Amino acid sequence: MMIKRAIPAALLAAMLVAPAFAATMTGTIKTIDPAKNDIVLQSGETFTLPAKFDLKKLKVGEKVSVTYLKHGGSMIASKVVAAK
């Protein structure tokens, strides 16, 4: 009986933790907003960058790969690198 309850509880816990994993998206930068510290890709996704991120390393039109976490309705970038 204990095992029957433990398995659903473990599955529920795994589902709650799963959204915390980072995802990656590749695209071309459409806009860079230093005031908001974010970038928007041509596809329309907006990523908030870390406060210490050097926006001068990025250029509009550059293809990038963004590693991010979803937090509420925002996508918080942890890494932005040039894509090939």
PDB file of N, CA and C in Angstrom:
ATOM      1  N   MET A   1       0.824  -1.191   0.000  1.00  0.00           N
ATOM      2  CA  MET A   1       0.000   0.000   0.000  1.00  0.00           C
ATOM      3  C   MET A   1       0.874   1.264   0.000  1.00  0.00           C
ATOM      4  N   MET A   2       1.965   1.234   0.749  1.00  0.00           N
ATOM      5  CA  MET A   2       2.856   2.387   0.834  1.00  0.00           C
ATOM      6  C   MET A   2       3.487   2.693  -0.526  1.00  0.00           C
ATOM      7  N   ILE A   3       3.845   1.671  -1.286  1.00  0.00           N
ATOM      8  CA  ILE A   3       4.461   1.868  -2.591  1.00  0.00           C
ATOM      9  C   ILE A   3       3.470   2.503  -3.560  1.00  0.00           C
ATOM     10  N   LYS A   4       2.205   2.129  -3.493  1.00  0.00           N
ATOM     11  CA  LYS A   4       1.189   2.694  -4.380  1.00  0.00           C
ATOM     12  C   LYS A   4       1.066   4.201  -4.192  1.00  0.00           C
ATOM     13  N   ARG A   5       1.299   4.688  -2.999  1.00  0.00           N
ATOM     14  CA  ARG A   5       1.232   6.131  -2.734  1.00  0.00           C
ATOM     15  C   ARG A   5       2.558   6.823  -3.041  1.00  0.00           C
ATOM     16  N   ALA A   6       3.660   6.116  -2.877  1.00  0.00           N
ATOM     17  CA  ALA A   6       4.976   6.713  -3.082  1.00  0.00           C
ATOM     18  C   ALA A   6       5.234   7.007  -4.557  1.00  0.00           C
ATOM     19  N   ILE A   7       4.791   6.151  -5.447  1.00  0.00           N
ATOM     20  CA  ILE A   7       5.049   6.350  -6.872  1.00  0.00           C
ATOM     21  C   ILE A   7       4.343   7.604  -7.397  1.00  0.00           C
ATOM     22  N   PRO A   8       3.044   7.785  -7.160  1.00  0.00           N
ATOM     23  CA  PRO A   8       2.423   9.035  -7.624  1.00  0.00           C
ATOM     24  C   PRO A   8       3.042  10.277  -6.984  1.00  0.00           C
ATOM     25  N   ALA A   9       3.438  10.191  -5.746  1.00  0.00           N
ATOM     26  CA  ALA A   9       4.064  11.333  -5.075  1.00  0.00           C
ATOM     27  C   ALA A   9       5.400  11.662  -5.738  1.00  0.00           C
ATOM     28  N   ALA A  10       6.167  10.649  -6.091  1.00  0.00           N
ATOM     29  CA  ALA A  10       7.457  10.859  -6.756  1.00  0.00           C
ATOM     30  C   ALA A  10       7.253  11.456  -8.145  1.00  0.00           C
ATOM     31  N   LEU A  11       6.247  10.999  -8.871  1.00  0.00           N
ATOM     32  CA  LEU A  11       5.953  11.546 -10.197  1.00  0.00           C
ATOM     33  C   LEU A  11       5.526  13.010 -10.100  1.00  0.00           C
ATOM     34  N   LEU A  12       4.710  13.331  -9.139  1.00  0.00           N
ATOM     35  CA  LEU A  12       4.274  14.706  -8.941  1.00  0.00           C
ATOM     36  C   LEU A  12       5.469  15.601  -8.617  1.00  0.00           C
ATOM     37  N   ALA A  13       6.334  15.138  -7.759  1.00  0.00           N
ATOM     38  CA  ALA A  13       7.524  15.916  -7.400  1.00  0.00           C
ATOM     39  C   ALA A  13       8.403  16.144  -8.620  1.00  0.00           C
ATOM     40  N   ALA A  14       8.562  15.131  -9.464  1.00  0.00           N
ATOM     41  CA  ALA A  14       9.378  15.269 -10.677  1.00  0.00           C
ATOM     42  C   ALA A  14       8.762  16.277 -11.640  1.00  0.00           C
ATOM     43  N   MET A  15       7.452  16.291 -11.753  1.00  0.00           N
ATOM     44  CA  MET A  15       6.780  17.236 -12.643  1.00  0.00           C
ATOM     45  C   MET A  15       6.923  18.666 -12.138  1.00  0.00           C
ATOM     46  N   LEU A  16       6.941  18.869 -10.851  1.00  0.00           N
ATOM     47  CA  LEU A  16       7.080  20.206 -10.293  1.00  0.00           C
ATOM     48  C   LEU A  16       8.494  20.738 -10.453  1.00  0.00           C
ATOM     49  N   VAL A  17       9.474  19.861 -10.421  1.00  0.00           N
ATOM     50  CA  VAL A  17      10.872  20.265 -10.541  1.00  0.00           C
ATOM     51  C   VAL A  17      11.265  20.458 -12.001  1.00  0.00           C
ATOM     52  N   ALA A  18      10.676  19.726 -12.912  1.00  0.00           N
ATOM     53  CA  ALA A  18      11.054  19.732 -14.324  1.00  0.00           C
ATOM     54  C   ALA A  18      11.127  21.124 -14.943  1.00  0.00           C
ATOM     55  N   PRO A  19      10.197  22.049 -14.689  1.00  0.00           N
ATOM     56  CA  PRO A  19      10.282  23.356 -15.330  1.00  0.00           C
ATOM     57  C   PRO A  19      11.521  24.162 -14.961  1.00  0.00           C
ATOM     58  N   ALA A  20      12.247  23.781 -13.943  1.00  0.00           N
ATOM     59  CA  ALA A  20      13.430  24.522 -13.522  1.00  0.00           C
ATOM     60  C   ALA A  20      14.638  24.236 -14.401  1.00  0.00           C
ATOM     61  N   PHE A  21      14.565  23.251 -15.289  1.00  0.00           N
ATOM     62  CA  PHE A  21      15.696  22.928 -16.152  1.00  0.00           C
ATOM     63  C   PHE A  21      15.845  23.978 -17.246  1.00  0.00           C
ATOM     64  N   ALA A  22      17.089  24.277 -17.580  1.00  0.00           N
ATOM     65  CA  ALA A  22      17.368  25.276 -18.600  1.00  0.00           C
ATOM     66  C   ALA A  22      17.033  24.746 -19.987  1.00  0.00           C
ATOM     67  N   ALA A  23      16.617  25.649 -20.844  1.00  0.00           N
ATOM     68  CA  ALA A  23      16.337  25.346 -22.240  1.00  0.00           C
ATOM     69  C   ALA A  23      17.256  26.209 -23.096  1.00  0.00           C
ATOM     70  N   THR A  24      17.380  25.868 -24.358  1.00  0.00           N
ATOM     71  CA  THR A  24      18.215  26.639 -25.281  1.00  0.00           C
ATOM     72  C   THR A  24      17.418  26.968 -26.530  1.00  0.00           C
ATOM     73  N   MET A  25      17.587  28.185 -27.016  1.00  0.00           N
ATOM     74  CA  MET A  25      16.932  28.620 -28.249  1.00  0.00           C
ATOM     75  C   MET A  25      17.959  29.349 -29.103  1.00  0.00           C
ATOM     76  N   THR A  26      17.904  29.116 -30.399  1.00  0.00           N
ATOM     77  CA  THR A  26      18.793  29.793 -31.330  1.00  0.00           C
ATOM     78  C   THR A  26      17.968  30.708 -32.223  1.00  0.00           C
ATOM     79  N   GLY A  27      18.478  31.904 -32.461  1.00  0.00           N
ATOM     80  CA  GLY A  27      17.779  32.849 -33.316  1.00  0.00           C
ATOM     81  C   GLY A  27      18.632  34.067 -33.605  1.00  0.00           C
ATOM     82  N   THR A  28      18.056  34.985 -34.350  1.00  0.00           N
ATOM     83  CA  THR A  28      18.747  36.203 -34.747  1.00  0.00           C
ATOM     84  C   THR A  28      18.224  37.373 -33.917  1.00  0.00           C
ATOM     85  N   ILE A  29      19.142  38.188 -33.409  1.00  0.00           N
ATOM     86  CA  ILE A  29      18.760  39.318 -32.564  1.00  0.00           C
ATOM     87  C   ILE A  29      18.058  40.386 -33.407  1.00  0.00           C
ATOM     88  N   LYS A  30      16.861  40.753 -32.976  1.00  0.00           N
ATOM     89  CA  LYS A  30      16.083  41.809 -33.633  1.00  0.00           C
ATOM     90  C   LYS A  30      16.332  43.154 -32.959  1.00  0.00           C
ATOM     91  N   THR A  31      16.261  43.163 -31.614  1.00  0.00           N
ATOM     92  CA  THR A  31      16.519  44.402 -30.865  1.00  0.00           C
ATOM     93  C   THR A  31      17.295  44.108 -29.595  1.00  0.00           C
ATOM     94  N   ILE A  32      18.023  45.124 -29.145  1.00  0.00           N
ATOM     95  CA  ILE A  32      18.750  45.088 -27.875  1.00  0.00           C
ATOM     96  C   ILE A  32      18.310  46.314 -27.090  1.00  0.00           C
ATOM     97  N   ASP A  33      17.837  46.116 -25.867  1.00  0.00           N
ATOM     98  CA  ASP A  33      17.362  47.228 -25.043  1.00  0.00           C
ATOM     99  C   ASP A  33      18.207  47.326 -23.774  1.00  0.00           C
ATOM    100  N   PRO A  34      19.214  48.216 -23.758  1.00  0.00           N
ATOM    101  CA  PRO A  34      20.068  48.357 -22.578  1.00  0.00           C
ATOM    102  C   PRO A  34      19.304  48.823 -21.333  1.00  0.00           C
ATOM    103  N   ALA A  35      18.245  49.613 -21.502  1.00  0.00           N
ATOM    104  CA  ALA A  35      17.478  50.101 -20.352  1.00  0.00           C
ATOM    105  C   ALA A  35      16.776  48.960 -19.623  1.00  0.00           C
ATOM    106  N   LYS A  36      16.280  47.993 -20.379  1.00  0.00           N
ATOM    107  CA  LYS A  36      15.593  46.845 -19.785  1.00  0.00           C
ATOM    108  C   LYS A  36      16.530  45.653 -19.612  1.00  0.00           C
ATOM    109  N   ASN A  37      17.737  45.767 -20.168  1.00  0.00           N
ATOM    110  CA  ASN A  37      18.724  44.690 -20.147  1.00  0.00           C
ATOM    111  C   ASN A  37      18.139  43.418 -20.774  1.00  0.00           C
ATOM    112  N   ASP A  38      17.535  43.591 -21.968  1.00  0.00           N
ATOM    113  CA  ASP A  38      16.992  42.418 -22.646  1.00  0.00           C
ATOM    114  C   ASP A  38      17.253  42.458 -24.142  1.00  0.00           C
ATOM    115  N   ILE A  39      17.052  41.310 -24.765  1.00  0.00           N
ATOM    116  CA  ILE A  39      17.143  41.194 -26.214  1.00  0.00           C
ATOM    117  C   ILE A  39      15.861  40.547 -26.716  1.00  0.00           C
ATOM    118  N   VAL A  40      15.513  40.873 -27.965  1.00  0.00           N
ATOM    119  CA  VAL A  40      14.365  40.268 -28.616  1.00  0.00           C
ATOM    120  C   VAL A  40      14.888  39.602 -29.879  1.00  0.00           C
ATOM    121  N   LEU A  41      14.490  38.351 -30.095  1.00  0.00           N
ATOM    122  CA  LEU A  41      14.883  37.636 -31.307  1.00  0.00           C
ATOM    123  C   LEU A  41      13.884  37.930 -32.424  1.00  0.00           C
ATOM    124  N   GLN A  42      14.282  37.658 -33.671  1.00  0.00           N
ATOM    125  CA  GLN A  42      13.405  37.858 -34.825  1.00  0.00           C
ATOM    126  C   GLN A  42      12.086  37.105 -34.664  1.00  0.00           C
ATOM    127  N   SER A  43      12.125  35.975 -33.963  1.00  0.00           N
ATOM    128  CA  SER A  43      10.924  35.153 -33.761  1.00  0.00           C
ATOM    129  C   SER A  43       9.968  35.754 -32.728  1.00  0.00           C
ATOM    130  N   GLY A  44      10.403  36.812 -32.018  1.00  0.00           N
ATOM    131  CA  GLY A  44       9.541  37.510 -31.075  1.00  0.00           C
ATOM    132  C   GLY A  44       9.794  37.217 -29.609  1.00  0.00           C
ATOM    133  N   GLU A  45      10.618  36.222 -29.285  1.00  0.00           N
ATOM    134  CA  GLU A  45      10.909  35.912 -27.878  1.00  0.00           C
ATOM    135  C   GLU A  45      11.799  36.984 -27.271  1.00  0.00           C
ATOM    136  N   THR A  46      11.460  37.383 -26.050  1.00  0.00           N
ATOM    137  CA  THR A  46      12.240  38.372 -25.314  1.00  0.00           C
ATOM    138  C   THR A  46      12.949  37.675 -24.161  1.00  0.00           C
ATOM    139  N   PHE A  47      14.241  37.942 -24.025  1.00  0.00           N
ATOM    140  CA  PHE A  47      15.054  37.342 -22.964  1.00  0.00           C
ATOM    141  C   PHE A  47      15.650  38.447 -22.108  1.00  0.00           C
ATOM    142  N   THR A  48      15.462  38.344 -20.799  1.00  0.00           N
ATOM    143  CA  THR A  48      16.092  39.257 -19.850  1.00  0.00           C
ATOM    144  C   THR A  48      17.481  38.709 -19.549  1.00  0.00           C
ATOM    145  N   LEU A  49      18.475  39.587 -19.606  1.00  0.00           N
ATOM    146  CA  LEU A  49      19.864  39.174 -19.404  1.00  0.00           C
ATOM    147  C   LEU A  49      20.316  39.493 -17.989  1.00  0.00           C
ATOM    148  N   PRO A  50      21.342  38.771 -17.502  1.00  0.00           N
ATOM    149  CA  PRO A  50      21.874  39.058 -16.165  1.00  0.00           C
ATOM    150  C   PRO A  50      22.377  40.504 -16.082  1.00  0.00           C
ATOM    151  N   ALA A  51      22.278  41.108 -14.909  1.00  0.00           N
ATOM    152  CA  ALA A  51      22.671  42.504 -14.710  1.00  0.00           C
ATOM    153  C   ALA A  51      24.113  42.775 -15.141  1.00  0.00           C
ATOM    154  N   LYS A  52      24.988  41.810 -14.951  1.00  0.00           N
ATOM    155  CA  LYS A  52      26.403  42.007 -15.269  1.00  0.00           C
ATOM    156  C   LYS A  52      26.745  41.664 -16.718  1.00  0.00           C
ATOM    157  N   PHE A  53      25.758  41.283 -17.516  1.00  0.00           N
ATOM    158  CA  PHE A  53      26.017  40.895 -18.903  1.00  0.00           C
ATOM    159  C   PHE A  53      26.432  42.117 -19.718  1.00  0.00           C
ATOM    160  N   ASP A  54      27.488  41.982 -20.519  1.00  0.00           N
ATOM    161  CA  ASP A  54      27.996  43.067 -21.356  1.00  0.00           C
ATOM    162  C   ASP A  54      27.249  43.066 -22.691  1.00  0.00           C
ATOM    163  N   LEU A  55      26.238  43.935 -22.795  1.00  0.00           N
ATOM    164  CA  LEU A  55      25.427  44.017 -24.017  1.00  0.00           C
ATOM    165  C   LEU A  55      26.241  44.444 -25.231  1.00  0.00           C
ATOM    166  N   LYS A  56      27.388  45.075 -25.016  1.00  0.00           N
ATOM    167  CA  LYS A  56      28.226  45.526 -26.129  1.00  0.00           C
ATOM    168  C   LYS A  56      28.791  44.353 -26.925  1.00  0.00           C
ATOM    169  N   LYS A  57      28.742  43.154 -26.353  1.00  0.00           N
ATOM    170  CA  LYS A  57      29.226  41.962 -27.052  1.00  0.00           C
ATOM    171  C   LYS A  57      28.233  41.488 -28.116  1.00  0.00           C
ATOM    172  N   LEU A  58      26.993  41.984 -28.048  1.00  0.00           N
ATOM    173  CA  LEU A  58      25.945  41.543 -28.962  1.00  0.00           C
ATOM    174  C   LEU A  58      25.663  42.603 -30.023  1.00  0.00           C
ATOM    175  N   LYS A  59      25.184  42.139 -31.200  1.00  0.00           N
ATOM    176  CA  LYS A  59      24.841  43.043 -32.287  1.00  0.00           C
ATOM    177  C   LYS A  59      23.506  42.641 -32.884  1.00  0.00           C
ATOM    178  N   VAL A  60      22.705  43.627 -33.249  1.00  0.00           N
ATOM    179  CA  VAL A  60      21.458  43.356 -33.963  1.00  0.00           C
ATOM    180  C   VAL A  60      21.822  42.637 -35.265  1.00  0.00           C
ATOM    181  N   GLY A  61      21.075  41.596 -35.581  1.00  0.00           N
ATOM    182  CA  GLY A  61      21.335  40.799 -36.788  1.00  0.00           C
ATOM    183  C   GLY A  61      22.231  39.600 -36.547  1.00  0.00           C
ATOM    184  N   GLU A  62      22.832  39.532 -35.356  1.00  0.00           N
ATOM    185  CA  GLU A  62      23.719  38.416 -35.020  1.00  0.00           C
ATOM    186  C   GLU A  62      22.900  37.188 -34.639  1.00  0.00           C
ATOM    187  N   LYS A  63      23.342  36.019 -35.112  1.00  0.00           N
ATOM    188  CA  LYS A  63      22.695  34.762 -34.741  1.00  0.00           C
ATOM    189  C   LYS A  63      23.307  34.300 -33.421  1.00  0.00           C
ATOM    190  N   VAL A  64      22.429  34.016 -32.440  1.00  0.00           N
ATOM    191  CA  VAL A  64      22.889  33.638 -31.104  1.00  0.00           C
ATOM    192  C   VAL A  64      22.159  32.396 -30.602  1.00  0.00           C
ATOM    193  N   SER A  65      22.763  31.765 -29.626  1.00  0.00           N
ATOM    194  CA  SER A  65      22.152  30.660 -28.895  1.00  0.00           C
ATOM    195  C   SER A  65      21.973  31.138 -27.456  1.00  0.00           C
ATOM    196  N   VAL A  66      20.723  31.092 -26.975  1.00  0.00           N
ATOM    197  CA  VAL A  66      20.395  31.606 -25.647  1.00  0.00           C
ATOM    198  C   VAL A  66      20.010  30.439 -24.737  1.00  0.00           C
ATOM    199  N   THR A  67      20.696  30.307 -23.618  1.00  0.00           N
ATOM    200  CA  THR A  67      20.328  29.339 -22.589  1.00  0.00           C
ATOM    201  C   THR A  67      19.525  30.111 -21.549  1.00  0.00           C
ATOM    202  N   TYR A  68      18.342  29.602 -21.209  1.00  0.00           N
ATOM    203  CA  TYR A  68      17.441  30.373 -20.351  1.00  0.00           C
ATOM    204  C   TYR A  68      16.582  29.483 -19.464  1.00  0.00           C
ATOM    205  N   LEU A  69      15.984  30.120 -18.460  1.00  0.00           N
ATOM    206  CA  LEU A  69      14.990  29.496 -17.587  1.00  0.00           C
ATOM    207  C   LEU A  69      13.708  30.300 -17.707  1.00  0.00           C
ATOM    208  N   LYS A  70      12.581  29.625 -17.655  1.00  0.00           N
ATOM    209  CA  LYS A  70      11.297  30.328 -17.615  1.00  0.00           C
ATOM    210  C   LYS A  70      10.988  30.622 -16.156  1.00  0.00           C
ATOM    211  N   HIS A  71      10.662  31.860 -15.869  1.00  0.00           N
ATOM    212  CA  HIS A  71      10.313  32.273 -14.508  1.00  0.00           C
ATOM    213  C   HIS A  71       9.043  33.096 -14.619  1.00  0.00           C
ATOM    214  N   GLY A  72       7.932  32.505 -14.233  1.00  0.00           N
ATOM    215  CA  GLY A  72       6.649  33.167 -14.439  1.00  0.00           C
ATOM    216  C   GLY A  72       6.418  33.281 -15.934  1.00  0.00           C
ATOM    217  N   GLY A  73       6.164  34.476 -16.412  1.00  0.00           N
ATOM    218  CA  GLY A  73       5.980  34.695 -17.839  1.00  0.00           C
ATOM    219  C   GLY A  73       7.237  35.180 -18.535  1.00  0.00           C
ATOM    220  N   SER A  74       8.350  35.257 -17.811  1.00  0.00           N
ATOM    221  CA  SER A  74       9.596  35.765 -18.379  1.00  0.00           C
ATOM    222  C   SER A  74      10.571  34.649 -18.704  1.00  0.00           C
ATOM    223  N   MET A  75      11.449  34.938 -19.663  1.00  0.00           N
ATOM    224  CA  MET A  75      12.538  34.026 -19.990  1.00  0.00           C
ATOM    225  C   MET A  75      13.826  34.726 -19.561  1.00  0.00           C
ATOM    226  N   ILE A  76      14.504  34.145 -18.592  1.00  0.00           N
ATOM    227  CA  ILE A  76      15.707  34.723 -18.001  1.00  0.00           C
ATOM    228  C   ILE A  76      16.930  34.010 -18.586  1.00  0.00           C
ATOM    229  N   ALA A  77      17.723  34.738 -19.344  1.00  0.00           N
ATOM    230  CA  ALA A  77      18.905  34.161 -19.984  1.00  0.00           C
ATOM    231  C   ALA A  77      20.029  33.986 -18.970  1.00  0.00           C
ATOM    232  N   SER A  78      20.689  32.854 -19.036  1.00  0.00           N
ATOM    233  CA  SER A  78      21.873  32.633 -18.211  1.00  0.00           C
ATOM    234  C   SER A  78      23.132  32.667 -19.068  1.00  0.00           C
ATOM    235  N   LYS A  79      22.947  32.509 -20.393  1.00  0.00           N
ATOM    236  CA  LYS A  79      24.087  32.475 -21.295  1.00  0.00           C
ATOM    237  C   LYS A  79      23.627  32.858 -22.694  1.00  0.00           C
ATOM    238  N   VAL A  80      24.400  33.732 -23.369  1.00  0.00           N
ATOM    239  CA  VAL A  80      24.130  34.082 -24.750  1.00  0.00           C
ATOM    240  C   VAL A  80      25.457  34.006 -25.490  1.00  0.00           C
ATOM    241  N   VAL A  81      25.511  33.157 -26.511  1.00  0.00           N
ATOM    242  CA  VAL A  81      26.745  32.991 -27.285  1.00  0.00           C
ATOM    243  C   VAL A  81      26.429  33.033 -28.776  1.00  0.00           C
ATOM    244  N   ALA A  82      27.424  33.401 -29.567  1.00  0.00           N
ATOM    245  CA  ALA A  82      27.257  33.401 -31.019  1.00  0.00           C
ATOM    246  C   ALA A  82      26.971  31.993 -31.487  1.00  0.00           C
ATOM    247  N   ALA A  83      26.009  31.861 -32.397  1.00  0.00           N
ATOM    248  CA  ALA A  83      25.642  30.550 -32.945  1.00  0.00           C
ATOM    249  C   ALA A  83      26.257  30.410 -34.326  1.00  0.00           C
ATOM    250  N   LYS A  84      26.464  29.173 -34.695  1.00  0.00           N
ATOM    251  CA  LYS A  84      27.061  28.905 -36.024  1.00  0.00           C
ATOM    252  C   LYS A  84      25.998  28.495 -37.003  1.00  0.00           C
TER     253      LYS A  84
END
